[in-house]
């Protein structure tokens, strides 16, 4: 795992959307299986991550799908699993 992917996963695991977004490329694209149009850009994807952290009580990174070096930037795909809590408090 590269240093960048380790820092990204650590940001996700600590639910720090600002730190995770800061590690993303300006033109990052998030494609959701439930939304037709992709979200483009660091700010848009950072907002999605903030919403995920608010909505889902229990989620975790379950595996690193892969890393690759492109130019000077490293990219990584992290698989995340979210579980919505059904408890009523």
PDB file of N, CA and C in Angstrom:
ATOM      1  N   UNK A   1       0.851  -1.161   0.000  1.00  0.00           N
ATOM      2  CA  UNK A   1       0.000   0.000   0.000  1.00  0.00           C
ATOM      3  C   UNK A   1       0.906   1.236   0.000  1.00  0.00           C
ATOM      4  N   UNK A   2       0.597   2.191  -0.847  1.00  0.00           N
ATOM      5  CA  UNK A   2       1.395   3.405  -0.909  1.00  0.00           C
ATOM      6  C   UNK A   2       1.077   4.307   0.275  1.00  0.00           C
ATOM      7  N   UNK A   3       1.957   5.277   0.517  1.00  0.00           N
ATOM      8  CA  UNK A   3       1.728   6.219   1.600  1.00  0.00           C
ATOM      9  C   UNK A   3       0.426   6.983   1.385  1.00  0.00           C
ATOM     10  N   UNK A   4       0.159   7.376   0.138  1.00  0.00           N
ATOM     11  CA  UNK A   4      -1.071   8.115  -0.166  1.00  0.00           C
ATOM     12  C   UNK A   4      -2.309   7.268   0.129  1.00  0.00           C
ATOM     13  N   UNK A   5      -2.304   6.027  -0.324  1.00  0.00           N
ATOM     14  CA  UNK A   5      -3.477   5.187  -0.080  1.00  0.00           C
ATOM     15  C   UNK A   5      -3.634   4.879   1.412  1.00  0.00           C
ATOM     16  N   UNK A   6      -2.511   4.769   2.130  1.00  0.00           N
ATOM     17  CA  UNK A   6      -2.590   4.541   3.575  1.00  0.00           C
ATOM     18  C   UNK A   6      -3.208   5.758   4.270  1.00  0.00           C
ATOM     19  N   UNK A   7      -2.788   6.967   3.885  1.00  0.00           N
ATOM     20  CA  UNK A   7      -3.352   8.181   4.484  1.00  0.00           C
ATOM     21  C   UNK A   7      -4.823   8.335   4.127  1.00  0.00           C
ATOM     22  N   UNK A   8      -5.193   7.981   2.880  1.00  0.00           N
ATOM     23  CA  UNK A   8      -6.590   8.070   2.462  1.00  0.00           C
ATOM     24  C   UNK A   8      -7.452   7.105   3.267  1.00  0.00           C
ATOM     25  N   UNK A   9      -7.003   5.868   3.383  1.00  0.00           N
ATOM     26  CA  UNK A   9      -7.770   4.885   4.146  1.00  0.00           C
ATOM     27  C   UNK A   9      -7.869   5.291   5.612  1.00  0.00           C
ATOM     28  N   UNK A  10      -6.779   5.813   6.172  1.00  0.00           N
ATOM     29  CA  UNK A  10      -6.814   6.280   7.566  1.00  0.00           C
ATOM     30  C   UNK A  10      -7.830   7.401   7.742  1.00  0.00           C
ATOM     31  N   UNK A  11      -7.890   8.323   6.774  1.00  0.00           N
ATOM     32  CA  UNK A  11      -8.874   9.406   6.848  1.00  0.00           C
ATOM     33  C   UNK A  11     -10.291   8.849   6.807  1.00  0.00           C
ATOM     34  N   UNK A  12     -10.523   7.862   5.953  1.00  0.00           N
ATOM     35  CA  UNK A  12     -11.850   7.252   5.887  1.00  0.00           C
ATOM     36  C   UNK A  12     -12.196   6.535   7.186  1.00  0.00           C
ATOM     37  N   UNK A  13     -11.244   5.787   7.711  1.00  0.00           N
ATOM     38  CA  UNK A  13     -11.505   5.008   8.918  1.00  0.00           C
ATOM     39  C   UNK A  13     -11.741   5.896  10.140  1.00  0.00           C
ATOM     40  N   UNK A  14     -11.187   7.113  10.125  1.00  0.00           N
ATOM     41  CA  UNK A  14     -11.425   8.047  11.233  1.00  0.00           C
ATOM     42  C   UNK A  14     -12.547   9.026  10.920  1.00  0.00           C
ATOM     43  N   UNK A  15     -13.212   8.801   9.768  1.00  0.00           N
ATOM     44  CA  UNK A  15     -14.362   9.600   9.345  1.00  0.00           C
ATOM     45  C   UNK A  15     -14.003  11.074   9.165  1.00  0.00           C
ATOM     46  N   UNK A  16     -12.803  11.320   8.671  1.00  0.00           N
ATOM     47  CA  UNK A  16     -12.308  12.680   8.453  1.00  0.00           C
ATOM     48  C   UNK A  16     -12.435  13.018   6.967  1.00  0.00           C
ATOM     49  N   UNK A  17     -13.612  13.497   6.578  1.00  0.00           N
ATOM     50  CA  UNK A  17     -13.869  13.764   5.163  1.00  0.00           C
ATOM     51  C   UNK A  17     -12.984  14.884   4.623  1.00  0.00           C
ATOM     52  N   UNK A  18     -12.636  15.862   5.440  1.00  0.00           N
ATOM     53  CA  UNK A  18     -11.771  16.952   4.985  1.00  0.00           C
ATOM     54  C   UNK A  18     -10.376  16.428   4.649  1.00  0.00           C
ATOM     55  N   UNK A  19      -9.844  15.560   5.490  1.00  0.00           N
ATOM     56  CA  UNK A  19      -8.514  14.995   5.225  1.00  0.00           C
ATOM     57  C   UNK A  19      -8.542  14.100   3.992  1.00  0.00           C
ATOM     58  N   UNK A  20      -9.589  13.309   3.845  1.00  0.00           N
ATOM     59  CA  UNK A  20      -9.712  12.440   2.668  1.00  0.00           C
ATOM     60  C   UNK A  20      -9.836  13.273   1.403  1.00  0.00           C
ATOM     61  N   UNK A  21     -10.660  14.307   1.429  1.00  0.00           N
ATOM     62  CA  UNK A  21     -10.846  15.162   0.253  1.00  0.00           C
ATOM     63  C   UNK A  21      -9.553  15.871  -0.128  1.00  0.00           C
ATOM     64  N   UNK A  22      -8.774  16.263   0.862  1.00  0.00           N
ATOM     65  CA  UNK A  22      -7.509  16.952   0.591  1.00  0.00           C
ATOM     66  C   UNK A  22      -6.534  16.050  -0.170  1.00  0.00           C
ATOM     67  N   UNK A  23      -6.701  14.750  -0.061  1.00  0.00           N
ATOM     68  CA  UNK A  23      -5.816  13.806  -0.751  1.00  0.00           C
ATOM     69  C   UNK A  23      -6.293  13.474  -2.163  1.00  0.00           C
ATOM     70  N   UNK A  24      -7.486  13.927  -2.530  1.00  0.00           N
ATOM     71  CA  UNK A  24      -8.052  13.623  -3.847  1.00  0.00           C
ATOM     72  C   UNK A  24      -7.542  14.601  -4.902  1.00  0.00           C
ATOM     73  N   UNK A  25      -7.497  14.130  -6.130  1.00  0.00           N
ATOM     74  CA  UNK A  25      -7.166  14.995  -7.255  1.00  0.00           C
ATOM     75  C   UNK A  25      -8.293  15.996  -7.461  1.00  0.00           C
ATOM     76  N   UNK A  26      -7.957  17.157  -8.026  1.00  0.00           N
ATOM     77  CA  UNK A  26      -8.982  18.179  -8.286  1.00  0.00           C
ATOM     78  C   UNK A  26     -10.138  17.632  -9.126  1.00  0.00           C
ATOM     79  N   UNK A  27      -9.841  16.794 -10.097  1.00  0.00           N
ATOM     80  CA  UNK A  27     -10.857  16.278 -11.010  1.00  0.00           C
ATOM     81  C   UNK A  27     -11.379  14.900 -10.660  1.00  0.00           C
ATOM     82  N   UNK A  28     -11.337  14.533  -9.388  1.00  0.00           N
ATOM     83  CA  UNK A  28     -11.822  13.215  -8.971  1.00  0.00           C
ATOM     84  C   UNK A  28     -13.280  13.042  -9.400  1.00  0.00           C
ATOM     85  N   UNK A  29     -13.648  11.811  -9.750  1.00  0.00           N
ATOM     86  CA  UNK A  29     -15.018  11.501 -10.170  1.00  0.00           C
ATOM     87  C   UNK A  29     -15.546  10.367  -9.292  1.00  0.00           C
ATOM     88  N   UNK A  30     -16.742  10.580  -8.725  1.00  0.00           N
ATOM     89  CA  UNK A  30     -17.416   9.552  -7.933  1.00  0.00           C
ATOM     90  C   UNK A  30     -18.647   9.111  -8.695  1.00  0.00           C
ATOM     91  N   UNK A  31     -18.713   7.814  -8.982  1.00  0.00           N
ATOM     92  CA  UNK A  31     -19.876   7.261  -9.678  1.00  0.00           C
ATOM     93  C   UNK A  31     -20.627   6.361  -8.698  1.00  0.00           C
ATOM     94  N   UNK A  32     -21.877   6.682  -8.510  1.00  0.00           N
ATOM     95  CA  UNK A  32     -22.725   5.919  -7.605  1.00  0.00           C
ATOM     96  C   UNK A  32     -23.627   4.996  -8.422  1.00  0.00           C
ATOM     97  N   UNK A  33     -23.855   3.795  -7.933  1.00  0.00           N
ATOM     98  CA  UNK A  33     -24.769   2.901  -8.646  1.00  0.00           C
ATOM     99  C   UNK A  33     -26.232   3.330  -8.540  1.00  0.00           C
ATOM    100  N   UNK A  34     -26.529   4.306  -7.693  1.00  0.00           N
ATOM    101  CA  UNK A  34     -27.920   4.731  -7.519  1.00  0.00           C
ATOM    102  C   UNK A  34     -28.215   6.119  -8.078  1.00  0.00           C
ATOM    103  N   UNK A  35     -27.214   6.785  -8.631  1.00  0.00           N
ATOM    104  CA  UNK A  35     -27.394   8.126  -9.185  1.00  0.00           C
ATOM    105  C   UNK A  35     -26.891   8.134 -10.625  1.00  0.00           C
ATOM    106  N   UNK A  36     -27.673   8.692 -11.525  1.00  0.00           N
ATOM    107  CA  UNK A  36     -27.335   8.679 -12.946  1.00  0.00           C
ATOM    108  C   UNK A  36     -26.084   9.494 -13.252  1.00  0.00           C
ATOM    109  N   UNK A  37     -26.028  10.702 -12.738  1.00  0.00           N
ATOM    110  CA  UNK A  37     -24.937  11.612 -13.064  1.00  0.00           C
ATOM    111  C   UNK A  37     -23.787  11.475 -12.053  1.00  0.00           C
ATOM    112  N   UNK A  38     -22.537  11.377 -12.530  1.00  0.00           N
ATOM    113  CA  UNK A  38     -21.410  11.283 -11.592  1.00  0.00           C
ATOM    114  C   UNK A  38     -21.150  12.613 -10.886  1.00  0.00           C
ATOM    115  N   UNK A  39     -20.572  12.539  -9.713  1.00  0.00           N
ATOM    116  CA  UNK A  39     -20.141  13.727  -8.978  1.00  0.00           C
ATOM    117  C   UNK A  39     -18.694  13.995  -9.364  1.00  0.00           C
ATOM    118  N   UNK A  40     -18.388  15.229  -9.770  1.00  0.00           N
ATOM    119  CA  UNK A  40     -17.055  15.560 -10.264  1.00  0.00           C
ATOM    120  C   UNK A  40     -16.438  16.652  -9.404  1.00  0.00           C
ATOM    121  N   UNK A  41     -15.205  16.444  -9.014  1.00  0.00           N
ATOM    122  CA  UNK A  41     -14.449  17.445  -8.273  1.00  0.00           C
ATOM    123  C   UNK A  41     -14.290  17.113  -6.810  1.00  0.00           C
ATOM    124  N   UNK A  42     -13.189  17.591  -6.265  1.00  0.00           N
ATOM    125  CA  UNK A  42     -12.836  17.323  -4.866  1.00  0.00           C
ATOM    126  C   UNK A  42     -13.917  17.812  -3.906  1.00  0.00           C
ATOM    127  N   UNK A  43     -14.445  19.005  -4.134  1.00  0.00           N
ATOM    128  CA  UNK A  43     -15.465  19.552  -3.217  1.00  0.00           C
ATOM    129  C   UNK A  43     -16.741  18.717  -3.237  1.00  0.00           C
ATOM    130  N   UNK A  44     -17.196  18.336  -4.434  1.00  0.00           N
ATOM    131  CA  UNK A  44     -18.425  17.546  -4.555  1.00  0.00           C
ATOM    132  C   UNK A  44     -18.271  16.177  -3.893  1.00  0.00           C
ATOM    133  N   UNK A  45     -17.154  15.523  -4.147  1.00  0.00           N
ATOM    134  CA  UNK A  45     -16.935  14.191  -3.569  1.00  0.00           C
ATOM    135  C   UNK A  45     -16.728  14.297  -2.060  1.00  0.00           C
ATOM    136  N   UNK A  46     -16.067  15.347  -1.607  1.00  0.00           N
ATOM    137  CA  UNK A  46     -15.912  15.569  -0.162  1.00  0.00           C
ATOM    138  C   UNK A  46     -17.255  15.734   0.523  1.00  0.00           C
ATOM    139  N   UNK A  47     -18.193  16.442  -0.128  1.00  0.00           N
ATOM    140  CA  UNK A  47     -19.535  16.591   0.436  1.00  0.00           C
ATOM    141  C   UNK A  47     -20.275  15.261   0.507  1.00  0.00           C
ATOM    142  N   UNK A  48     -20.090  14.432  -0.517  1.00  0.00           N
ATOM    143  CA  UNK A  48     -20.697  13.093  -0.503  1.00  0.00           C
ATOM    144  C   UNK A  48     -20.165  12.294   0.678  1.00  0.00           C
ATOM    145  N   UNK A  49     -18.856  12.348   0.883  1.00  0.00           N
ATOM    146  CA  UNK A  49     -18.251  11.605   1.996  1.00  0.00           C
ATOM    147  C   UNK A  49     -18.773  12.110   3.341  1.00  0.00           C
ATOM    148  N   UNK A  50     -18.921  13.425   3.484  1.00  0.00           N
ATOM    149  CA  UNK A  50     -19.469  13.989   4.719  1.00  0.00           C
ATOM    150  C   UNK A  50     -20.877  13.457   4.960  1.00  0.00           C
ATOM    151  N   UNK A  51     -21.681  13.400   3.905  1.00  0.00           N
ATOM    152  CA  UNK A  51     -23.047  12.876   4.019  1.00  0.00           C
ATOM    153  C   UNK A  51     -23.040  11.396   4.399  1.00  0.00           C
ATOM    154  N   UNK A  52     -22.150  10.637   3.806  1.00  0.00           N
ATOM    155  CA  UNK A  52     -22.051   9.203   4.131  1.00  0.00           C
ATOM    156  C   UNK A  52     -21.732   9.033   5.612  1.00  0.00           C
ATOM    157  N   UNK A  53     -20.794   9.817   6.114  1.00  0.00           N
ATOM    158  CA  UNK A  53     -20.429   9.706   7.528  1.00  0.00           C
ATOM    159  C   UNK A  53     -21.598  10.075   8.442  1.00  0.00           C
ATOM    160  N   UNK A  54     -22.455  11.002   8.005  1.00  0.00           N
ATOM    161  CA  UNK A  54     -23.622  11.392   8.809  1.00  0.00           C
ATOM    162  C   UNK A  54     -24.724  10.342   8.754  1.00  0.00           C
ATOM    163  N   UNK A  55     -24.967   9.767   7.577  1.00  0.00           N
ATOM    164  CA  UNK A  55     -26.102   8.871   7.368  1.00  0.00           C
ATOM    165  C   UNK A  55     -25.849   7.461   7.890  1.00  0.00           C
ATOM    166  N   UNK A  56     -24.664   6.962   7.649  1.00  0.00           N
ATOM    167  CA  UNK A  56     -24.375   5.583   8.025  1.00  0.00           C
ATOM    168  C   UNK A  56     -23.667   5.528   9.366  1.00  0.00           C
ATOM    169  N   UNK A  57     -24.274   4.788  10.289  1.00  0.00           N
ATOM    170  CA  UNK A  57     -23.718   4.661  11.631  1.00  0.00           C
ATOM    171  C   UNK A  57     -22.495   3.758  11.668  1.00  0.00           C
ATOM    172  N   UNK A  58     -22.523   2.716  10.889  1.00  0.00           N
ATOM    173  CA  UNK A  58     -21.443   1.733  10.943  1.00  0.00           C
ATOM    174  C   UNK A  58     -21.009   1.401   9.525  1.00  0.00           C
ATOM    175  N   UNK A  59     -19.821   1.762   9.169  1.00  0.00           N
ATOM    176  CA  UNK A  59     -19.263   1.390   7.871  1.00  0.00           C
ATOM    177  C   UNK A  59     -17.776   1.207   8.051  1.00  0.00           C
ATOM    178  N   UNK A  60     -17.165   0.520   7.121  1.00  0.00           N
ATOM    179  CA  UNK A  60     -15.732   0.257   7.225  1.00  0.00           C
ATOM    180  C   UNK A  60     -15.134   0.002   5.849  1.00  0.00           C
ATOM    181  N   UNK A  61     -13.854   0.210   5.741  1.00  0.00           N
ATOM    182  CA  UNK A  61     -13.125  -0.177   4.533  1.00  0.00           C
ATOM    183  C   UNK A  61     -12.911  -1.681   4.629  1.00  0.00           C
ATOM    184  N   UNK A  62     -13.281  -2.396   3.595  1.00  0.00           N
ATOM    185  CA  UNK A  62     -13.159  -3.844   3.670  1.00  0.00           C
ATOM    186  C   UNK A  62     -11.984  -4.395   2.875  1.00  0.00           C
ATOM    187  N   UNK A  63     -11.493  -3.626   1.890  1.00  0.00           N
ATOM    188  CA  UNK A  63     -10.302  -4.084   1.189  1.00  0.00           C
ATOM    189  C   UNK A  63      -9.779  -2.997   0.264  1.00  0.00           C
ATOM    190  N   UNK A  64      -8.520  -3.089  -0.018  1.00  0.00           N
ATOM    191  CA  UNK A  64      -7.871  -2.204  -0.978  1.00  0.00           C
ATOM    192  C   UNK A  64      -7.928  -2.920  -2.314  1.00  0.00           C
ATOM    193  N   UNK A  65      -8.581  -2.295  -3.289  1.00  0.00           N
ATOM    194  CA  UNK A  65      -8.757  -2.954  -4.589  1.00  0.00           C
ATOM    195  C   UNK A  65      -7.531  -2.851  -5.471  1.00  0.00           C
ATOM    196  N   UNK A  66      -6.755  -1.804  -5.314  1.00  0.00           N
ATOM    197  CA  UNK A  66      -5.553  -1.699  -6.122  1.00  0.00           C
ATOM    198  C   UNK A  66      -4.979  -0.305  -6.085  1.00  0.00           C
ATOM    199  N   UNK A  67      -3.730  -0.214  -6.432  1.00  0.00           N
ATOM    200  CA  UNK A  67      -3.066   1.079  -6.509  1.00  0.00           C
ATOM    201  C   UNK A  67      -2.265   1.116  -7.785  1.00  0.00           C
ATOM    202  N   UNK A  68      -2.078   2.305  -8.313  1.00  0.00           N
ATOM    203  CA  UNK A  68      -1.243   2.458  -9.492  1.00  0.00           C
ATOM    204  C   UNK A  68      -0.642   3.850  -9.486  1.00  0.00           C
ATOM    205  N   UNK A  69       0.492   3.979 -10.132  1.00  0.00           N
ATOM    206  CA  UNK A  69       1.136   5.294 -10.232  1.00  0.00           C
ATOM    207  C   UNK A  69       0.821   5.879 -11.599  1.00  0.00           C
ATOM    208  N   UNK A  70       0.359   7.114 -11.620  1.00  0.00           N
ATOM    209  CA  UNK A  70       0.088   7.827 -12.868  1.00  0.00           C
ATOM    210  C   UNK A  70       0.753   9.183 -12.751  1.00  0.00           C
ATOM    211  N   UNK A  71       1.692   9.442 -13.636  1.00  0.00           N
ATOM    212  CA  UNK A  71       2.471  10.675 -13.576  1.00  0.00           C
ATOM    213  C   UNK A  71       3.070  10.788 -12.183  1.00  0.00           C
ATOM    214  N   UNK A  72       2.798  11.908 -11.516  1.00  0.00           N
ATOM    215  CA  UNK A  72       3.308  12.090 -10.162  1.00  0.00           C
ATOM    216  C   UNK A  72       2.268  11.743  -9.115  1.00  0.00           C
ATOM    217  N   UNK A  73       1.069  11.406  -9.545  1.00  0.00           N
ATOM    218  CA  UNK A  73      -0.021  11.152  -8.601  1.00  0.00           C
ATOM    219  C   UNK A  73      -0.290   9.664  -8.488  1.00  0.00           C
ATOM    220  N   UNK A  74      -0.548   9.225  -7.292  1.00  0.00           N
ATOM    221  CA  UNK A  74      -0.941   7.839  -7.074  1.00  0.00           C
ATOM    222  C   UNK A  74      -2.447   7.801  -6.926  1.00  0.00           C
ATOM    223  N   UNK A  75      -3.067   6.785  -7.458  1.00  0.00           N
ATOM    224  CA  UNK A  75      -4.508   6.632  -7.305  1.00  0.00           C
ATOM    225  C   UNK A  75      -4.773   5.318  -6.599  1.00  0.00           C
ATOM    226  N   UNK A  76      -5.841   5.261  -5.885  1.00  0.00           N
ATOM    227  CA  UNK A  76      -6.197   4.017  -5.227  1.00  0.00           C
ATOM    228  C   UNK A  76      -7.701   3.868  -5.207  1.00  0.00           C
ATOM    229  N   UNK A  77      -8.138   2.642  -5.207  1.00  0.00           N
ATOM    230  CA  UNK A  77      -9.560   2.337  -5.072  1.00  0.00           C
ATOM    231  C   UNK A  77      -9.739   1.602  -3.763  1.00  0.00           C
ATOM    232  N   UNK A  78     -10.603   2.086  -2.946  1.00  0.00           N
ATOM    233  CA  UNK A  78     -10.877   1.448  -1.670  1.00  0.00           C
ATOM    234  C   UNK A  78     -12.333   1.037  -1.648  1.00  0.00           C
ATOM    235  N   UNK A  79     -12.575  -0.214  -1.334  1.00  0.00           N
ATOM    236  CA  UNK A  79     -13.938  -0.700  -1.236  1.00  0.00           C
ATOM    237  C   UNK A  79     -14.449  -0.396   0.162  1.00  0.00           C
ATOM    238  N   UNK A  80     -15.604   0.228   0.236  1.00  0.00           N
ATOM    239  CA  UNK A  80     -16.187   0.559   1.524  1.00  0.00           C
ATOM    240  C   UNK A  80     -17.540  -0.122   1.641  1.00  0.00           C
ATOM    241  N   UNK A  81     -17.859  -0.574   2.804  1.00  0.00           N
ATOM    242  CA  UNK A  81     -19.161  -1.172   3.060  1.00  0.00           C
ATOM    243  C   UNK A  81     -19.858  -0.347   4.129  1.00  0.00           C
ATOM    244  N   UNK A  82     -21.065   0.054   3.833  1.00  0.00           N
ATOM    245  CA  UNK A  82     -21.836   0.845   4.789  1.00  0.00           C
ATOM    246  C   UNK A  82     -23.031   0.034   5.261  1.00  0.00           C
ATOM    247  N   UNK A  83     -23.301   0.141   6.538  1.00  0.00           N
ATOM    248  CA  UNK A  83     -24.427  -0.562   7.144  1.00  0.00           C
ATOM    249  C   UNK A  83     -25.264   0.483   7.868  1.00  0.00           C
ATOM    250  N   UNK A  84     -26.486   0.632   7.462  1.00  0.00           N
ATOM    251  CA  UNK A  84     -27.363   1.596   8.139  1.00  0.00           C
ATOM    252  C   UNK A  84     -27.916   0.960   9.408  1.00  0.00           C
ATOM    253  N   UNK A  85     -27.785   1.664  10.489  1.00  0.00           N
ATOM    254  CA  UNK A  85     -28.274   1.168  11.771  1.00  0.00           C
ATOM    255  C   UNK A  85     -29.799   1.165  11.776  1.00  0.00           C
ATOM    256  N   UNK A  86     -30.370   0.118  12.342  1.00  0.00           N
ATOM    257  CA  UNK A  86     -31.825   0.053  12.456  1.00  0.00           C
ATOM    258  C   UNK A  86     -32.279   0.291  13.883  1.00  0.00           C
ATOM    259  N   UNK A  87     -31.337   0.650  14.757  1.00  0.00           N
ATOM    260  CA  UNK A  87     -31.713   0.905  16.146  1.00  0.00           C
ATOM    261  C   UNK A  87     -32.442   2.228  16.256  1.00  0.00           C
ATOM    262  N   UNK A  88     -33.389   2.286  17.147  1.00  0.00           N
ATOM    263  CA  UNK A  88     -34.134   3.528  17.372  1.00  0.00           C
ATOM    264  C   UNK A  88     -33.779   4.059  18.745  1.00  0.00           C
ATOM    265  N   UNK A  89     -33.040   5.165  18.738  1.00  0.00           N
ATOM    266  CA  UNK A  89     -32.636   5.751  20.028  1.00  0.00           C
ATOM    267  C   UNK A  89     -33.179   7.138  20.154  1.00  0.00           C
TER     268      UNK A  89
END
